[in-house]
N, C-alpha and C. Protein backbone atom coordinates (compact mmCIF):
# COMPACT_ATOMS: atom_id res chain seq x y z
N PHE A 1 -44.52 42.32 162.21
CA PHE A 1 -44.45 43.05 163.27
C PHE A 1 -46.06 43.47 163.76
N LEU A 2 -47.19 43.20 162.71
CA LEU A 2 -48.35 43.23 162.79
C LEU A 2 -48.61 42.19 164.24
N LYS A 3 -48.23 40.84 164.36
CA LYS A 3 -48.49 39.94 164.83
C LYS A 3 -47.95 40.08 166.28
N ARG A 4 -46.82 41.22 166.32
CA ARG A 4 -46.29 41.51 167.84
C ARG A 4 -46.93 42.43 168.28
N SER A 5 -47.09 43.60 167.55
CA SER A 5 -48.09 44.44 168.12
C SER A 5 -49.31 43.99 168.39
N VAL A 6 -50.48 43.33 167.95
CA VAL A 6 -51.30 42.57 168.44
C VAL A 6 -51.35 42.03 169.66
N ASP A 7 -50.02 41.13 169.54
CA ASP A 7 -49.75 40.57 170.67
C ASP A 7 -49.46 41.29 172.48
N LEU A 8 -48.63 42.57 171.66
CA LEU A 8 -48.79 43.07 173.01
C LEU A 8 -49.68 44.04 173.47
N VAL A 9 -50.48 44.66 172.66
CA VAL A 9 -51.54 45.03 172.68
C VAL A 9 -52.67 44.20 173.40
N SER A 10 -52.84 43.56 172.87
CA SER A 10 -54.12 42.40 173.71
C SER A 10 -53.30 41.90 174.92
N ALA A 11 -52.21 41.49 174.98
CA ALA A 11 -51.84 40.38 176.34
C ALA A 11 -51.97 41.49 177.55
N SER A 12 -51.51 43.10 177.22
CA SER A 12 -51.32 44.43 177.85
C SER A 12 -52.86 44.77 178.80
N ILE A 13 -53.78 44.90 177.16
CA ILE A 13 -54.86 44.88 177.92
C ILE A 13 -55.72 43.76 179.04
N GLY A 14 -55.30 42.47 178.64
CA GLY A 14 -55.51 41.30 179.16
C GLY A 14 -55.39 41.46 180.36
N VAL A 15 -54.33 41.57 180.86
CA VAL A 15 -53.63 41.92 181.83
C VAL A 15 -54.45 42.86 183.11
N VAL A 16 -54.50 43.69 182.44
CA VAL A 16 -55.25 45.02 182.95
C VAL A 16 -56.99 44.38 183.42
N LEU A 17 -57.28 43.87 182.23
CA LEU A 17 -59.03 43.07 182.62
C LEU A 17 -59.30 42.10 183.78
N LEU A 18 -58.21 41.44 183.97
CA LEU A 18 -57.94 40.23 184.22
C LEU A 18 -57.37 40.02 185.82
N SER A 19 -56.79 41.38 186.03
CA SER A 19 -56.04 41.43 187.25
C SER A 19 -57.02 41.04 188.29
N PRO A 20 -58.05 41.04 188.72
CA PRO A 20 -58.96 40.70 189.92
C PRO A 20 -59.14 39.41 189.73
N LEU A 21 -58.94 38.74 189.03
CA LEU A 21 -58.89 37.36 188.97
C LEU A 21 -57.60 36.55 188.73
N LEU A 22 -56.69 37.61 188.22
CA LEU A 22 -54.94 36.90 188.74
C LEU A 22 -54.83 36.95 190.19
N LEU A 23 -55.44 37.80 190.55
CA LEU A 23 -54.95 38.16 191.92
C LEU A 23 -55.66 37.09 192.81
N PHE A 24 -57.00 36.94 192.51
CA PHE A 24 -57.82 35.88 193.41
C PHE A 24 -57.22 34.52 192.96
N LEU A 25 -56.31 34.19 192.04
CA LEU A 25 -55.74 32.74 192.30
C LEU A 25 -54.64 32.77 192.61
N MET A 26 -53.92 33.83 192.87
CA MET A 26 -52.67 34.03 193.24
C MET A 26 -52.93 33.47 195.17
N ILE A 27 -53.79 34.63 195.52
CA ILE A 27 -54.06 34.03 196.80
C ILE A 27 -54.76 33.01 197.02
N THR A 28 -55.73 32.05 196.28
CA THR A 28 -56.24 30.91 196.52
C THR A 28 -54.91 29.74 196.17
N VAL A 29 -54.26 29.63 195.41
CA VAL A 29 -53.07 28.94 195.07
C VAL A 29 -52.26 28.73 196.36
N ARG A 30 -51.83 29.93 196.71
CA ARG A 30 -51.32 30.34 197.98
C ARG A 30 -51.74 29.55 199.38
N LEU A 31 -53.04 29.79 199.23
CA LEU A 31 -53.67 29.58 200.71
C LEU A 31 -54.15 27.63 200.76
N THR A 32 -53.88 27.46 199.37
CA THR A 32 -54.85 25.75 199.64
C THR A 32 -53.52 24.88 199.33
N SER A 33 -52.35 25.23 199.15
CA SER A 33 -51.01 24.16 199.21
C SER A 33 -49.99 24.92 199.55
N ASP A 34 -48.92 23.90 199.78
CA ASP A 34 -47.80 24.64 200.06
C ASP A 34 -47.07 24.77 198.93
N GLY A 35 -45.56 25.28 198.72
CA GLY A 35 -45.38 26.26 197.67
C GLY A 35 -45.36 27.16 197.05
N PRO A 36 -44.94 27.73 196.17
CA PRO A 36 -44.89 28.85 195.35
C PRO A 36 -46.13 29.32 194.46
N VAL A 37 -46.56 30.56 194.42
CA VAL A 37 -47.83 30.71 193.67
C VAL A 37 -47.49 29.84 192.04
N PHE A 38 -46.47 30.37 192.10
CA PHE A 38 -45.95 30.59 190.32
C PHE A 38 -45.22 29.19 189.74
N PHE A 39 -45.54 28.41 188.58
CA PHE A 39 -44.69 27.29 188.50
C PHE A 39 -43.71 27.73 186.94
N ARG A 40 -42.40 28.00 187.18
CA ARG A 40 -41.61 28.03 186.18
C ARG A 40 -40.81 26.99 185.36
N GLN A 41 -41.19 26.61 184.37
CA GLN A 41 -40.16 25.91 183.37
C GLN A 41 -39.74 26.25 182.37
N THR A 42 -38.22 25.84 181.90
CA THR A 42 -37.64 25.85 180.75
C THR A 42 -38.36 25.25 179.98
N ARG A 43 -38.81 26.09 178.72
CA ARG A 43 -39.27 25.72 177.49
C ARG A 43 -38.40 26.10 176.14
N VAL A 44 -38.52 25.44 174.91
CA VAL A 44 -37.88 25.86 173.68
C VAL A 44 -39.02 26.65 172.65
N GLY A 45 -38.57 27.89 172.51
CA GLY A 45 -39.14 28.83 171.48
C GLY A 45 -38.69 29.29 170.11
N PHE A 46 -38.89 30.58 169.74
CA PHE A 46 -38.55 30.72 168.88
C PHE A 46 -37.11 30.61 168.24
N ARG A 47 -36.81 30.00 167.37
CA ARG A 47 -35.70 29.63 166.75
C ARG A 47 -35.04 28.84 167.34
N GLY A 48 -35.50 28.29 168.52
CA GLY A 48 -34.95 27.10 169.31
C GLY A 48 -34.19 27.36 170.47
N ARG A 49 -34.63 28.48 170.73
CA ARG A 49 -34.05 29.71 171.92
C ARG A 49 -34.83 29.13 173.37
N GLU A 50 -34.26 28.64 174.26
CA GLU A 50 -34.97 28.42 175.70
C GLU A 50 -35.47 29.24 176.11
N PHE A 51 -36.76 29.51 177.01
CA PHE A 51 -36.87 30.82 177.67
C PHE A 51 -38.22 30.01 178.84
N THR A 52 -38.31 30.91 180.02
CA THR A 52 -39.08 30.07 181.42
C THR A 52 -40.56 30.47 180.85
N MET A 53 -41.40 29.46 180.92
CA MET A 53 -42.60 29.69 180.43
C MET A 53 -43.41 30.01 182.08
N ILE A 54 -44.09 31.00 182.62
CA ILE A 54 -44.86 30.70 183.46
C ILE A 54 -46.42 30.48 183.98
N LYS A 55 -46.75 29.94 184.49
CA LYS A 55 -47.81 29.18 185.18
C LYS A 55 -48.16 29.64 186.42
N PHE A 56 -49.53 29.06 186.51
CA PHE A 56 -50.09 28.96 188.30
C PHE A 56 -49.71 27.70 188.22
N ARG A 57 -49.22 27.75 189.86
CA ARG A 57 -49.12 26.17 190.24
C ARG A 57 -49.67 25.54 190.44
N SER A 58 -49.88 24.36 189.61
CA SER A 58 -51.34 23.60 189.57
C SER A 58 -51.41 22.13 190.25
N MET A 59 -49.98 21.75 190.36
CA MET A 59 -49.83 20.46 191.21
C MET A 59 -48.81 20.70 192.65
N VAL A 60 -48.62 19.65 193.11
CA VAL A 60 -47.66 19.48 194.40
C VAL A 60 -46.38 19.92 193.79
N VAL A 61 -45.83 20.42 194.95
CA VAL A 61 -44.67 21.10 194.59
C VAL A 61 -43.25 20.22 194.10
N ASN A 62 -43.44 18.94 194.35
CA ASN A 62 -42.50 17.98 194.06
C ASN A 62 -42.96 17.02 192.55
N ALA A 63 -43.73 17.61 191.95
CA ALA A 63 -44.13 17.17 190.78
C ALA A 63 -43.37 16.90 190.10
N GLU A 64 -42.27 17.50 189.16
CA GLU A 64 -41.29 17.01 188.45
C GLU A 64 -40.40 15.70 189.01
N GLU A 65 -40.39 15.42 190.46
CA GLU A 65 -39.88 14.36 191.22
C GLU A 65 -40.50 13.08 190.74
N LEU A 66 -42.05 13.23 190.94
CA LEU A 66 -42.79 12.26 190.50
C LEU A 66 -43.13 11.71 189.16
N LEU A 67 -42.66 12.61 188.23
CA LEU A 67 -42.57 12.44 186.71
C LEU A 67 -42.13 10.94 186.43
N GLN A 68 -40.87 10.93 186.50
CA GLN A 68 -40.45 9.56 186.13
C GLN A 68 -41.08 8.58 186.31
N GLU A 69 -41.72 8.54 187.76
CA GLU A 69 -42.36 6.84 188.32
C GLU A 69 -43.86 7.10 187.37
N LEU A 70 -44.29 8.25 187.21
CA LEU A 70 -45.63 8.08 186.76
C LEU A 70 -45.35 7.79 184.98
N ALA A 71 -44.25 8.09 184.60
CA ALA A 71 -44.07 8.13 183.24
C ALA A 71 -43.89 6.63 183.10
N ALA A 72 -43.43 5.90 183.98
CA ALA A 72 -43.38 3.97 183.95
C ALA A 72 -44.31 3.44 183.67
N GLN A 73 -45.66 4.23 184.42
CA GLN A 73 -46.85 3.69 184.35
C GLN A 73 -47.58 3.94 183.05
N GLN A 74 -48.74 3.27 182.62
CA GLN A 74 -49.56 3.11 181.42
C GLN A 74 -50.28 4.67 181.39
N ARG A 75 -50.00 4.95 179.80
CA ARG A 75 -50.68 6.46 179.91
C ARG A 75 -52.01 6.27 179.58
N ASP A 76 -52.89 7.07 180.09
CA ASP A 76 -54.28 7.06 179.58
C ASP A 76 -54.56 8.43 178.66
N ALA A 77 -53.16 8.99 178.26
CA ALA A 77 -53.73 10.28 177.55
C ALA A 77 -52.68 10.75 176.91
N GLY A 78 -52.42 11.52 175.67
CA GLY A 78 -51.08 12.10 175.40
C GLY A 78 -50.59 11.26 174.13
N ASN A 79 -49.13 11.07 174.33
CA ASN A 79 -48.80 10.34 172.91
C ASN A 79 -47.57 10.07 173.19
N GLU A 80 -46.75 9.50 172.35
CA GLU A 80 -45.42 9.49 172.52
C GLU A 80 -44.36 9.86 172.83
N VAL A 81 -44.59 11.03 172.69
CA VAL A 81 -44.14 12.36 173.20
C VAL A 81 -43.69 13.24 174.00
N LEU A 82 -45.24 13.36 173.88
CA LEU A 82 -45.99 14.48 175.24
C LEU A 82 -46.30 13.56 176.28
N PHE A 83 -46.36 13.65 177.55
CA PHE A 83 -47.11 12.98 178.87
C PHE A 83 -47.64 13.67 179.10
N LYS A 84 -49.01 12.56 179.38
CA LYS A 84 -50.49 13.58 179.79
C LYS A 84 -51.07 12.29 180.38
N MET A 85 -51.73 12.46 182.12
CA MET A 85 -53.01 11.65 182.56
C MET A 85 -53.99 12.18 182.67
N LYS A 86 -54.72 11.49 182.84
CA LYS A 86 -56.38 12.34 182.62
C LYS A 86 -56.57 12.77 184.10
N ASN A 87 -55.99 11.62 184.83
CA ASN A 87 -56.26 11.90 186.38
C ASN A 87 -54.65 11.85 187.31
N ASP A 88 -54.35 12.67 186.93
CA ASP A 88 -52.81 13.06 186.89
C ASP A 88 -52.79 13.39 188.99
N PRO A 89 -52.24 12.13 189.58
CA PRO A 89 -52.40 11.99 191.34
C PRO A 89 -51.38 13.36 191.76
N ARG A 90 -50.49 14.40 190.69
CA ARG A 90 -49.92 14.93 191.24
C ARG A 90 -50.43 16.81 190.97
N VAL A 91 -52.03 16.43 190.54
CA VAL A 91 -52.63 17.50 190.42
C VAL A 91 -53.22 18.19 191.71
N THR A 92 -53.14 19.35 192.09
CA THR A 92 -54.06 19.89 193.41
C THR A 92 -55.16 20.26 193.38
N ARG A 93 -56.31 20.28 194.37
CA ARG A 93 -57.58 20.44 194.04
C ARG A 93 -57.99 21.93 193.21
N ILE A 94 -57.50 23.45 193.93
CA ILE A 94 -57.69 24.30 192.90
C ILE A 94 -57.36 23.97 191.48
N GLY A 95 -56.11 22.82 191.39
CA GLY A 95 -55.17 22.97 189.87
C GLY A 95 -56.21 22.21 189.14
N ARG A 96 -57.15 21.42 189.43
CA ARG A 96 -58.17 20.36 188.56
C ARG A 96 -58.90 21.68 188.38
N ILE A 97 -59.64 22.71 189.30
CA ILE A 97 -60.63 23.73 188.65
C ILE A 97 -59.57 24.35 187.70
N MET A 98 -58.71 24.96 187.87
CA MET A 98 -57.87 26.19 187.35
C MET A 98 -57.76 25.17 185.60
N ARG A 99 -57.19 23.44 185.49
CA ARG A 99 -56.85 23.52 184.29
C ARG A 99 -57.99 23.12 183.24
N LYS A 100 -59.30 22.96 184.13
CA LYS A 100 -60.39 22.74 183.33
C LYS A 100 -60.58 23.68 182.96
N PHE A 101 -60.51 24.99 183.20
CA PHE A 101 -61.20 26.34 182.49
C PHE A 101 -59.62 27.12 181.96
N SER A 102 -58.41 26.09 181.84
CA SER A 102 -56.87 26.58 181.56
C SER A 102 -57.15 27.76 181.99
N LEU A 103 -57.07 28.28 183.52
CA LEU A 103 -56.61 29.43 184.20
C LEU A 103 -55.01 29.25 184.69
N ASP A 104 -54.94 28.24 184.82
CA ASP A 104 -53.07 28.00 184.90
C ASP A 104 -52.04 29.05 183.87
N GLU A 105 -52.95 28.75 183.06
CA GLU A 105 -52.08 29.14 181.77
C GLU A 105 -52.04 30.79 181.46
N LEU A 106 -52.69 31.55 182.08
CA LEU A 106 -53.11 33.16 181.99
C LEU A 106 -51.65 33.71 182.54
N PRO A 107 -51.04 33.34 183.52
CA PRO A 107 -49.50 33.99 183.42
C PRO A 107 -48.73 34.16 182.79
N GLN A 108 -49.21 33.49 181.41
CA GLN A 108 -48.24 33.42 179.86
C GLN A 108 -48.42 34.78 179.62
N LEU A 109 -49.74 35.13 179.80
CA LEU A 109 -49.80 36.94 179.32
C LEU A 109 -48.23 37.22 179.11
N PHE A 110 -47.39 37.68 180.34
CA PHE A 110 -46.53 38.46 181.06
C PHE A 110 -45.36 37.75 180.10
N ASN A 111 -45.57 36.45 179.42
CA ASN A 111 -44.72 35.83 178.52
C ASN A 111 -44.93 36.21 177.41
N VAL A 112 -45.89 36.61 176.67
CA VAL A 112 -46.52 37.24 175.81
C VAL A 112 -45.85 39.01 176.18
N ILE A 113 -46.02 39.35 176.84
CA ILE A 113 -46.06 40.70 176.70
C ILE A 113 -44.03 40.88 177.12
N GLY A 114 -43.41 40.12 177.52
CA GLY A 114 -42.09 39.75 177.21
C GLY A 114 -41.05 39.41 176.08
N GLY A 115 -42.05 38.93 174.96
CA GLY A 115 -41.41 38.59 174.03
C GLY A 115 -41.50 37.28 173.44
N SER A 116 -41.27 36.19 174.68
CA SER A 116 -41.03 35.07 174.52
C SER A 116 -41.91 34.01 173.95
N MET A 117 -43.37 34.58 174.26
CA MET A 117 -44.26 33.55 173.40
C MET A 117 -45.14 34.72 172.77
N SER A 118 -46.42 34.30 172.13
CA SER A 118 -47.54 35.09 171.25
C SER A 118 -48.76 34.34 171.72
N LEU A 119 -49.81 35.01 171.42
CA LEU A 119 -51.38 34.75 172.02
C LEU A 119 -51.27 33.39 171.68
N VAL A 120 -50.82 33.31 170.02
CA VAL A 120 -51.52 31.87 169.31
C VAL A 120 -50.11 31.17 168.68
N GLY A 121 -49.97 30.02 168.50
CA GLY A 121 -48.41 29.46 168.07
C GLY A 121 -48.45 28.13 168.38
N PRO A 122 -47.39 27.28 167.81
CA PRO A 122 -47.16 26.16 168.58
C PRO A 122 -46.98 25.96 169.80
N ARG A 123 -47.44 25.28 170.09
CA ARG A 123 -47.26 24.69 172.02
C ARG A 123 -45.73 24.64 172.08
N PRO A 124 -45.64 25.38 173.28
CA PRO A 124 -44.08 25.42 173.56
C PRO A 124 -43.48 24.20 174.19
N PRO A 125 -42.38 23.34 173.30
CA PRO A 125 -42.02 22.12 174.17
C PRO A 125 -41.06 21.87 174.96
N LEU A 126 -41.18 20.94 175.74
CA LEU A 126 -39.70 20.72 176.74
C LEU A 126 -38.68 20.31 176.05
N PRO A 127 -37.41 20.96 176.61
CA PRO A 127 -35.78 20.75 175.78
C PRO A 127 -35.62 18.74 175.79
N ASN A 128 -36.42 18.13 176.51
CA ASN A 128 -36.42 17.00 176.39
C ASN A 128 -37.01 16.18 175.29
N GLU A 129 -38.33 16.86 175.39
CA GLU A 129 -38.86 16.78 174.02
C GLU A 129 -38.61 16.87 172.81
N VAL A 130 -38.03 17.88 172.54
CA VAL A 130 -37.07 18.59 171.28
C VAL A 130 -36.50 17.55 171.03
N GLU A 131 -35.64 16.57 171.70
CA GLU A 131 -34.56 15.82 171.58
C GLU A 131 -34.98 14.52 170.88
N GLN A 132 -36.29 14.61 170.98
CA GLN A 132 -36.57 13.43 170.25
C GLN A 132 -37.05 13.66 168.84
N TYR A 133 -37.13 14.81 168.67
CA TYR A 133 -37.68 15.56 166.92
C TYR A 133 -36.84 15.41 165.80
N THR A 134 -37.73 14.71 164.80
CA THR A 134 -37.01 14.82 163.56
C THR A 134 -37.17 15.63 163.05
N THR A 135 -35.74 15.89 162.11
CA THR A 135 -35.51 17.12 161.45
C THR A 135 -36.70 18.23 161.16
N HIS A 136 -37.51 17.40 160.79
CA HIS A 136 -38.76 18.47 159.84
C HIS A 136 -39.52 19.20 161.06
N VAL A 137 -39.61 18.33 162.33
CA VAL A 137 -40.57 19.10 163.38
C VAL A 137 -39.88 20.54 163.72
N HIS A 138 -38.73 20.69 163.49
CA HIS A 138 -37.79 22.20 164.14
C HIS A 138 -38.53 23.29 163.25
N ARG A 139 -39.45 22.52 162.07
CA ARG A 139 -39.82 24.03 161.56
C ARG A 139 -40.89 24.71 162.72
N ARG A 140 -40.95 24.04 163.43
CA ARG A 140 -42.03 24.89 164.29
C ARG A 140 -41.51 26.03 165.44
N PHE A 141 -40.01 26.49 165.33
CA PHE A 141 -39.73 26.88 165.66
C PHE A 141 -39.23 28.36 165.16
N LEU A 142 -40.29 28.32 163.79
CA LEU A 142 -39.88 29.57 162.76
C LEU A 142 -40.90 30.57 163.37
N VAL A 143 -41.87 30.17 164.08
CA VAL A 143 -42.68 31.22 164.83
C VAL A 143 -42.60 31.43 166.36
N LYS A 144 -42.86 32.08 166.99
CA LYS A 144 -43.00 32.35 168.71
C LYS A 144 -44.01 31.23 168.87
N PRO A 145 -44.03 30.49 170.12
CA PRO A 145 -44.84 29.86 171.10
C PRO A 145 -46.09 30.08 171.67
N GLY A 146 -47.05 29.49 171.13
CA GLY A 146 -48.22 30.26 171.47
C GLY A 146 -48.95 29.63 172.92
N ILE A 147 -49.80 30.51 173.71
CA ILE A 147 -50.65 29.86 174.92
C ILE A 147 -51.78 28.97 174.66
N THR A 148 -52.17 29.43 173.11
CA THR A 148 -53.12 28.44 172.74
C THR A 148 -52.73 28.74 170.95
N GLY A 149 -53.31 27.33 170.34
CA GLY A 149 -53.34 26.80 169.05
C GLY A 149 -53.95 26.03 168.27
N LEU A 150 -53.30 25.99 167.21
CA LEU A 150 -54.56 24.88 166.31
C LEU A 150 -54.33 23.35 167.09
N TRP A 151 -53.41 23.24 168.03
CA TRP A 151 -53.44 21.61 168.24
C TRP A 151 -54.28 21.64 170.05
N GLN A 152 -54.77 22.86 170.52
CA GLN A 152 -55.17 23.04 171.49
C GLN A 152 -56.66 22.99 171.39
N VAL A 153 -57.62 23.65 170.25
CA VAL A 153 -58.46 23.58 169.81
C VAL A 153 -59.29 22.46 168.85
N SER A 154 -57.69 21.73 168.80
CA SER A 154 -58.62 20.66 167.64
C SER A 154 -58.31 19.23 168.54
N GLY A 155 -58.38 18.92 170.02
CA GLY A 155 -58.23 17.84 170.31
C GLY A 155 -56.98 17.66 171.63
N ARG A 156 -56.39 18.86 171.84
CA ARG A 156 -55.51 18.53 172.59
C ARG A 156 -55.00 16.78 173.33
N SER A 157 -55.14 16.55 174.42
CA SER A 157 -54.41 15.50 175.08
C SER A 157 -54.61 14.33 174.13
N SER A 158 -55.58 14.22 173.05
CA SER A 158 -56.23 13.04 172.55
C SER A 158 -55.59 12.63 171.18
N LEU A 159 -54.84 13.92 170.71
CA LEU A 159 -54.00 14.07 169.61
C LEU A 159 -52.98 13.32 169.52
N SER A 160 -52.33 12.45 168.31
CA SER A 160 -51.25 11.45 167.95
C SER A 160 -50.36 12.48 167.75
N TRP A 161 -49.02 11.86 167.68
CA TRP A 161 -47.37 13.04 167.69
C TRP A 161 -47.73 13.36 166.45
N GLU A 162 -47.99 12.67 165.41
CA GLU A 162 -48.26 12.94 164.08
C GLU A 162 -49.40 14.20 163.75
N GLU A 163 -50.24 14.17 164.35
CA GLU A 163 -51.17 15.24 164.01
C GLU A 163 -50.91 16.33 164.69
N THR A 164 -50.41 16.28 166.01
CA THR A 164 -50.18 17.71 166.58
C THR A 164 -48.82 18.28 165.56
N VAL A 165 -48.10 17.60 165.53
CA VAL A 165 -47.22 18.37 164.54
C VAL A 165 -47.52 18.64 163.66
N ARG A 166 -48.71 18.04 162.24
CA ARG A 166 -49.12 18.65 161.69
C ARG A 166 -50.03 19.78 161.71
N LEU A 167 -50.98 19.66 162.37
CA LEU A 167 -51.09 21.00 162.97
C LEU A 167 -50.12 22.24 163.50
N ASP A 168 -49.04 22.32 164.21
CA ASP A 168 -48.30 22.95 164.51
C ASP A 168 -47.76 23.53 162.85
N LEU A 169 -47.42 22.57 162.05
CA LEU A 169 -46.53 22.90 160.90
C LEU A 169 -47.43 23.51 159.88
N SER A 170 -48.98 23.45 159.91
CA SER A 170 -49.98 23.80 159.12
C SER A 170 -50.18 25.27 159.59
N TYR A 171 -49.97 25.86 161.03
CA TYR A 171 -50.42 26.66 161.33
C TYR A 171 -49.22 27.62 161.00
N VAL A 172 -47.60 27.47 161.31
CA VAL A 172 -46.71 27.82 160.95
C VAL A 172 -46.55 28.71 159.45
N GLU A 173 -46.86 27.51 158.37
CA GLU A 173 -46.52 27.63 156.95
C GLU A 173 -47.94 28.43 156.54
N ASN A 174 -49.01 28.59 157.13
CA ASN A 174 -50.26 29.18 156.24
C ASN A 174 -50.88 30.32 157.89
N TRP A 175 -50.06 31.04 158.57
CA TRP A 175 -50.53 32.06 159.56
C TRP A 175 -50.70 33.03 158.85
N SER A 176 -51.73 33.87 159.58
CA SER A 176 -52.87 34.88 159.34
C SER A 176 -53.56 35.72 160.26
N LEU A 177 -53.41 36.75 160.52
CA LEU A 177 -53.99 37.34 161.51
C LEU A 177 -55.74 36.72 161.85
N LEU A 178 -56.14 36.80 160.91
CA LEU A 178 -57.96 35.79 161.03
C LEU A 178 -57.63 34.78 161.50
N GLY A 179 -56.90 33.83 160.96
CA GLY A 179 -56.94 32.82 161.52
C GLY A 179 -56.34 32.96 163.09
N ASP A 180 -55.58 34.03 163.54
CA ASP A 180 -55.08 33.65 165.30
C ASP A 180 -56.61 33.94 165.69
N PHE A 181 -57.23 34.92 165.16
CA PHE A 181 -58.59 35.54 165.83
C PHE A 181 -59.56 34.36 165.94
N VAL A 182 -59.88 33.55 164.76
CA VAL A 182 -60.67 32.36 164.88
C VAL A 182 -60.12 31.61 166.17
N ILE A 183 -58.72 30.88 166.19
CA ILE A 183 -58.06 30.09 166.96
C ILE A 183 -58.25 30.54 168.80
N LEU A 184 -58.22 31.69 168.63
CA LEU A 184 -58.43 32.27 169.99
C LEU A 184 -60.51 32.55 170.43
N THR A 185 -60.92 32.93 169.44
CA THR A 185 -62.48 32.58 169.81
C THR A 185 -62.68 31.11 170.27
N LYS A 186 -62.04 30.27 169.43
CA LYS A 186 -62.51 28.90 170.10
C LYS A 186 -61.81 28.45 170.73
N THR A 187 -60.80 28.81 171.15
CA THR A 187 -60.25 28.61 172.94
C THR A 187 -61.07 29.50 173.84
N ALA A 188 -61.83 30.42 173.83
CA ALA A 188 -62.35 31.28 174.50
C ALA A 188 -63.73 30.38 174.91
N LYS A 189 -64.34 29.66 173.68
CA LYS A 189 -65.49 29.05 173.47
C LYS A 189 -64.95 27.59 174.50
N ALA A 190 -64.44 27.03 174.17
CA ALA A 190 -63.49 25.78 174.77
C ALA A 190 -63.54 25.58 176.33
N ALA A 191 -62.56 26.89 176.94
CA ALA A 191 -62.17 27.36 178.57
C ALA A 191 -63.59 27.45 178.94
N LEU A 192 -64.67 28.31 178.04
CA LEU A 192 -66.03 28.31 179.55
C LEU A 192 -66.87 27.24 179.05
N ALA A 193 -66.69 26.23 178.40
CA ALA A 193 -68.02 25.22 177.96
C ALA A 193 -68.12 24.45 178.94
N PRO A 194 -68.71 23.82 179.76
CA PRO A 194 -69.16 23.26 181.12
C PRO A 194 -68.57 22.12 180.65
């Protein structure tokens, strides 16, 4: 109840305070590339339930179709479960800027208000990633996924799959409100760093 209350109040205040920035980004995405402003994707959340996660679109419209071709190439980031490329050719020019400062993640505040996500928690996985999980990894679903988490402030793409799982499960088993505030502070510092 405490975590949900903090999430709801903080996300609501965040949307109000960031509304000029959200509007600016909406207009910028619309004017700089073809396609919708928002990118919606099915993710797996609390208790293994699927939900629709919202982000600002930072890639070309056919990014999902190009994924299989890119996945066949040698990766230079990510790990055996999570796909990442440092210079992903699918990312738009404005998308690169938004990703550098994690601005593409801001619409997830609406996921938090709606109750499918938390401000802090494990990374929300794709259904095809969950298919590769071993049994113990499903403990990640004992809490809501977060916009940010221990994984994000501890290395993101450079982490191995085992390290990612260890951090997520450590968060699940040791959650505290103070810990959430520490992670949010570190996230803000990382996003604002040059």
